Amino acid sequence: MKLEEFVRDAKVFYAVVRRLEIVSEASRRLDPAVKSRHPEIAWREIRGAGNIYRHEYGEVDPELVLNTVRVELPPLLAVVEAELGRAD
């Protein structure tokens, strides 16, 4: 989705922001050992972004949200998959 479409589609924008809030909250609940195995992930920033999404929603920049989805989430997904593989 292009940025212009993303900004225009309020339903999609707010759904994505809500999902990022959930990711942020889930990161708070992770075992510290998981975080220490993956120092390449910006855990503090993930936690902080959730605070912005929840409390400063008028300041949420759609371009940064889309960048988070495109650039920041793929490495996090790889970590999740690796950790789930450890559980097997």
N, C-alpha and C. Protein backbone atom coordinates (compact mmCIF):
# COMPACT_ATOMS: atom_id res chain seq x y z
N MET A 1 0.85 -1.18 0.00
CA MET A 1 0.00 0.00 0.00
C MET A 1 0.89 1.24 0.00
N LYS A 2 0.56 2.15 -0.84
CA LYS A 2 1.32 3.41 -0.90
C LYS A 2 0.92 4.29 0.28
N LEU A 3 1.82 5.18 0.66
CA LEU A 3 1.59 6.07 1.79
C LEU A 3 0.28 6.85 1.63
N GLU A 4 0.03 7.37 0.46
CA GLU A 4 -1.17 8.17 0.24
C GLU A 4 -2.44 7.35 0.51
N GLU A 5 -2.44 6.10 0.04
CA GLU A 5 -3.58 5.22 0.29
C GLU A 5 -3.72 4.91 1.77
N PHE A 6 -2.59 4.66 2.41
CA PHE A 6 -2.56 4.33 3.83
C PHE A 6 -3.14 5.47 4.65
N VAL A 7 -2.76 6.69 4.34
CA VAL A 7 -3.25 7.87 5.06
C VAL A 7 -4.75 8.06 4.83
N ARG A 8 -5.19 7.84 3.60
CA ARG A 8 -6.60 8.04 3.27
C ARG A 8 -7.52 7.00 3.90
N ASP A 9 -7.01 5.79 4.09
CA ASP A 9 -7.85 4.70 4.60
C ASP A 9 -7.73 4.64 6.13
N ALA A 10 -8.54 5.40 6.80
CA ALA A 10 -8.47 5.51 8.26
C ALA A 10 -8.65 4.15 8.93
N LYS A 11 -9.49 3.31 8.38
CA LYS A 11 -9.74 2.00 8.99
C LYS A 11 -8.45 1.17 9.00
N VAL A 12 -7.77 1.14 7.88
CA VAL A 12 -6.52 0.39 7.80
C VAL A 12 -5.46 1.02 8.69
N PHE A 13 -5.34 2.34 8.64
CA PHE A 13 -4.35 3.03 9.46
C PHE A 13 -4.53 2.70 10.94
N TYR A 14 -5.76 2.85 11.44
CA TYR A 14 -5.98 2.61 12.86
C TYR A 14 -5.88 1.13 13.21
N ALA A 15 -6.20 0.24 12.30
CA ALA A 15 -6.02 -1.19 12.55
C ALA A 15 -4.53 -1.52 12.69
N VAL A 16 -3.71 -0.95 11.84
CA VAL A 16 -2.27 -1.19 11.90
C VAL A 16 -1.70 -0.62 13.20
N VAL A 17 -2.11 0.59 13.55
CA VAL A 17 -1.63 1.19 14.80
C VAL A 17 -2.04 0.33 15.99
N ARG A 18 -3.26 -0.18 15.99
CA ARG A 18 -3.71 -1.04 17.08
C ARG A 18 -2.87 -2.30 17.17
N ARG A 19 -2.56 -2.89 16.05
CA ARG A 19 -1.71 -4.08 16.05
C ARG A 19 -0.31 -3.76 16.57
N LEU A 20 0.20 -2.60 16.22
CA LEU A 20 1.52 -2.21 16.74
C LEU A 20 1.46 -1.98 18.25
N GLU A 21 0.33 -1.48 18.75
CA GLU A 21 0.16 -1.37 20.20
C GLU A 21 0.27 -2.75 20.85
N ILE A 22 -0.36 -3.72 20.24
CA ILE A 22 -0.35 -5.09 20.77
C ILE A 22 1.06 -5.65 20.75
N VAL A 23 1.79 -5.42 19.67
CA VAL A 23 3.18 -5.87 19.59
C VAL A 23 4.00 -5.22 20.70
N SER A 24 3.78 -3.94 20.91
CA SER A 24 4.49 -3.22 21.96
C SER A 24 4.21 -3.83 23.33
N GLU A 25 2.94 -4.06 23.60
CA GLU A 25 2.57 -4.63 24.91
C GLU A 25 3.14 -6.04 25.07
N ALA A 26 3.09 -6.82 24.02
CA ALA A 26 3.65 -8.18 24.09
C ALA A 26 5.15 -8.14 24.36
N SER A 27 5.84 -7.15 23.80
CA SER A 27 7.28 -7.05 24.02
C SER A 27 7.60 -6.77 25.49
N ARG A 28 6.71 -6.10 26.18
CA ARG A 28 6.90 -5.81 27.60
C ARG A 28 6.86 -7.08 28.44
N ARG A 29 6.12 -8.06 27.96
CA ARG A 29 5.89 -9.29 28.72
C ARG A 29 6.89 -10.41 28.41
N LEU A 30 7.80 -10.13 27.50
CA LEU A 30 8.78 -11.16 27.13
C LEU A 30 9.74 -11.44 28.26
N ASP A 31 10.15 -12.67 28.34
CA ASP A 31 11.19 -13.06 29.28
C ASP A 31 12.46 -12.29 28.92
N PRO A 32 13.14 -11.73 29.90
CA PRO A 32 14.38 -10.99 29.62
C PRO A 32 15.42 -11.83 28.86
N ALA A 33 15.39 -13.13 29.04
CA ALA A 33 16.34 -13.99 28.32
C ALA A 33 16.11 -13.93 26.82
N VAL A 34 14.86 -13.82 26.40
CA VAL A 34 14.55 -13.71 24.97
C VAL A 34 15.15 -12.42 24.43
N LYS A 35 14.94 -11.35 25.16
CA LYS A 35 15.47 -10.06 24.71
C LYS A 35 17.00 -10.07 24.67
N SER A 36 17.60 -10.71 25.63
CA SER A 36 19.07 -10.73 25.65
C SER A 36 19.63 -11.59 24.52
N ARG A 37 18.88 -12.58 24.05
CA ARG A 37 19.33 -13.38 22.90
C ARG A 37 19.24 -12.60 21.60
N HIS A 38 18.51 -11.49 21.61
CA HIS A 38 18.28 -10.73 20.37
C HIS A 38 18.52 -9.24 20.60
N PRO A 39 19.76 -8.88 20.87
CA PRO A 39 20.06 -7.47 21.13
C PRO A 39 19.92 -6.59 19.88
N GLU A 40 19.82 -7.21 18.73
CA GLU A 40 19.67 -6.44 17.49
C GLU A 40 18.27 -5.81 17.37
N ILE A 41 17.35 -6.27 18.19
CA ILE A 41 15.99 -5.72 18.19
C ILE A 41 15.93 -4.54 19.16
N ALA A 42 15.32 -3.48 18.74
CA ALA A 42 15.22 -2.26 19.55
C ALA A 42 14.05 -2.38 20.54
N TRP A 43 14.23 -3.22 21.54
CA TRP A 43 13.15 -3.52 22.49
C TRP A 43 12.64 -2.26 23.19
N ARG A 44 13.51 -1.39 23.61
CA ARG A 44 13.10 -0.17 24.31
C ARG A 44 12.25 0.71 23.39
N GLU A 45 12.65 0.81 22.14
CA GLU A 45 11.90 1.62 21.19
C GLU A 45 10.52 1.02 20.90
N ILE A 46 10.45 -0.30 20.85
CA ILE A 46 9.16 -0.97 20.65
C ILE A 46 8.24 -0.64 21.81
N ARG A 47 8.76 -0.74 23.02
CA ARG A 47 7.97 -0.41 24.21
C ARG A 47 7.54 1.06 24.18
N GLY A 48 8.46 1.95 23.85
CA GLY A 48 8.16 3.37 23.81
C GLY A 48 7.15 3.74 22.75
N ALA A 49 7.21 3.07 21.60
CA ALA A 49 6.25 3.36 20.53
C ALA A 49 4.83 3.06 20.99
N GLY A 50 4.67 2.02 21.77
CA GLY A 50 3.34 1.70 22.29
C GLY A 50 2.77 2.83 23.12
N ASN A 51 3.61 3.47 23.90
CA ASN A 51 3.14 4.60 24.70
C ASN A 51 2.66 5.74 23.81
N ILE A 52 3.37 5.96 22.73
CA ILE A 52 2.95 7.01 21.80
C ILE A 52 1.63 6.64 21.13
N TYR A 53 1.52 5.39 20.67
CA TYR A 53 0.28 4.96 20.03
C TYR A 53 -0.92 5.10 20.96
N ARG A 54 -0.72 4.79 22.25
CA ARG A 54 -1.83 4.82 23.20
C ARG A 54 -2.14 6.22 23.73
N HIS A 55 -1.13 7.03 23.96
CA HIS A 55 -1.33 8.28 24.68
C HIS A 55 -1.14 9.55 23.84
N GLU A 56 -0.46 9.43 22.73
CA GLU A 56 -0.21 10.61 21.90
C GLU A 56 -0.66 10.34 20.47
N TYR A 57 -1.81 9.68 20.36
CA TYR A 57 -2.28 9.22 19.06
C TYR A 57 -2.46 10.34 18.05
N GLY A 58 -2.65 11.57 18.50
CA GLY A 58 -2.75 12.68 17.57
C GLY A 58 -1.42 13.02 16.93
N GLU A 59 -0.35 12.52 17.49
CA GLU A 59 1.00 12.80 17.00
C GLU A 59 1.58 11.65 16.18
N VAL A 60 0.81 10.58 15.98
CA VAL A 60 1.32 9.41 15.26
C VAL A 60 1.48 9.76 13.78
N ASP A 61 2.69 9.59 13.28
CA ASP A 61 3.02 9.92 11.90
C ASP A 61 2.78 8.70 11.00
N PRO A 62 1.83 8.79 10.07
CA PRO A 62 1.54 7.65 9.20
C PRO A 62 2.76 7.13 8.45
N GLU A 63 3.65 8.03 8.05
CA GLU A 63 4.85 7.59 7.33
C GLU A 63 5.74 6.72 8.23
N LEU A 64 5.87 7.10 9.50
CA LEU A 64 6.65 6.28 10.43
C LEU A 64 5.99 4.95 10.71
N VAL A 65 4.66 4.95 10.78
CA VAL A 65 3.94 3.70 11.00
C VAL A 65 4.18 2.76 9.82
N LEU A 66 4.04 3.26 8.63
CA LEU A 66 4.25 2.42 7.44
C LEU A 66 5.70 1.95 7.36
N ASN A 67 6.63 2.81 7.71
CA ASN A 67 8.04 2.41 7.74
C ASN A 67 8.27 1.31 8.78
N THR A 68 7.60 1.41 9.91
CA THR A 68 7.73 0.38 10.94
C THR A 68 7.28 -0.97 10.39
N VAL A 69 6.16 -0.97 9.69
CA VAL A 69 5.64 -2.20 9.12
C VAL A 69 6.58 -2.76 8.06
N ARG A 70 7.09 -1.90 7.22
CA ARG A 70 7.92 -2.35 6.10
C ARG A 70 9.35 -2.72 6.50
N VAL A 71 9.93 -1.95 7.43
CA VAL A 71 11.36 -2.09 7.73
C VAL A 71 11.62 -2.76 9.07
N GLU A 72 10.88 -2.38 10.09
CA GLU A 72 11.17 -2.83 11.44
C GLU A 72 10.52 -4.17 11.80
N LEU A 73 9.36 -4.45 11.27
CA LEU A 73 8.68 -5.69 11.63
C LEU A 73 9.32 -6.95 11.06
N PRO A 74 9.84 -6.96 9.84
CA PRO A 74 10.43 -8.21 9.34
C PRO A 74 11.54 -8.80 10.24
N PRO A 75 12.49 -8.00 10.75
CA PRO A 75 13.47 -8.60 11.67
C PRO A 75 12.83 -9.11 12.96
N LEU A 76 11.81 -8.42 13.44
CA LEU A 76 11.11 -8.88 14.65
C LEU A 76 10.39 -10.19 14.37
N LEU A 77 9.79 -10.30 13.21
CA LEU A 77 9.12 -11.55 12.83
C LEU A 77 10.13 -12.70 12.78
N ALA A 78 11.31 -12.44 12.27
CA ALA A 78 12.35 -13.48 12.22
C ALA A 78 12.72 -13.94 13.63
N VAL A 79 12.78 -13.01 14.56
CA VAL A 79 13.08 -13.37 15.97
C VAL A 79 11.95 -14.21 16.54
N VAL A 80 10.72 -13.81 16.29
CA VAL A 80 9.58 -14.57 16.79
C VAL A 80 9.61 -16.00 16.25
N GLU A 81 9.86 -16.11 14.97
CA GLU A 81 9.93 -17.45 14.36
C GLU A 81 11.07 -18.28 14.95
N ALA A 82 12.21 -17.65 15.17
CA ALA A 82 13.35 -18.35 15.77
C ALA A 82 13.02 -18.82 17.18
N GLU A 83 12.38 -17.97 17.94
CA GLU A 83 12.01 -18.33 19.32
C GLU A 83 10.95 -19.43 19.34
N LEU A 84 10.02 -19.35 18.43
CA LEU A 84 9.02 -20.42 18.37
C LEU A 84 9.67 -21.75 17.97
N GLY A 85 10.68 -21.68 17.10
CA GLY A 85 11.42 -22.89 16.72
C GLY A 85 12.18 -23.49 17.90
N ARG A 86 12.62 -22.66 18.84
CA ARG A 86 13.32 -23.14 20.03
C ARG A 86 12.37 -23.91 20.93
N ALA A 87 11.07 -23.56 20.87
CA ALA A 87 10.09 -24.17 21.75
C ALA A 87 9.75 -25.59 21.33
N ASP A 88 10.06 -25.94 20.07
CA ASP A 88 9.72 -27.30 19.57
C ASP A 88 10.59 -28.34 20.17
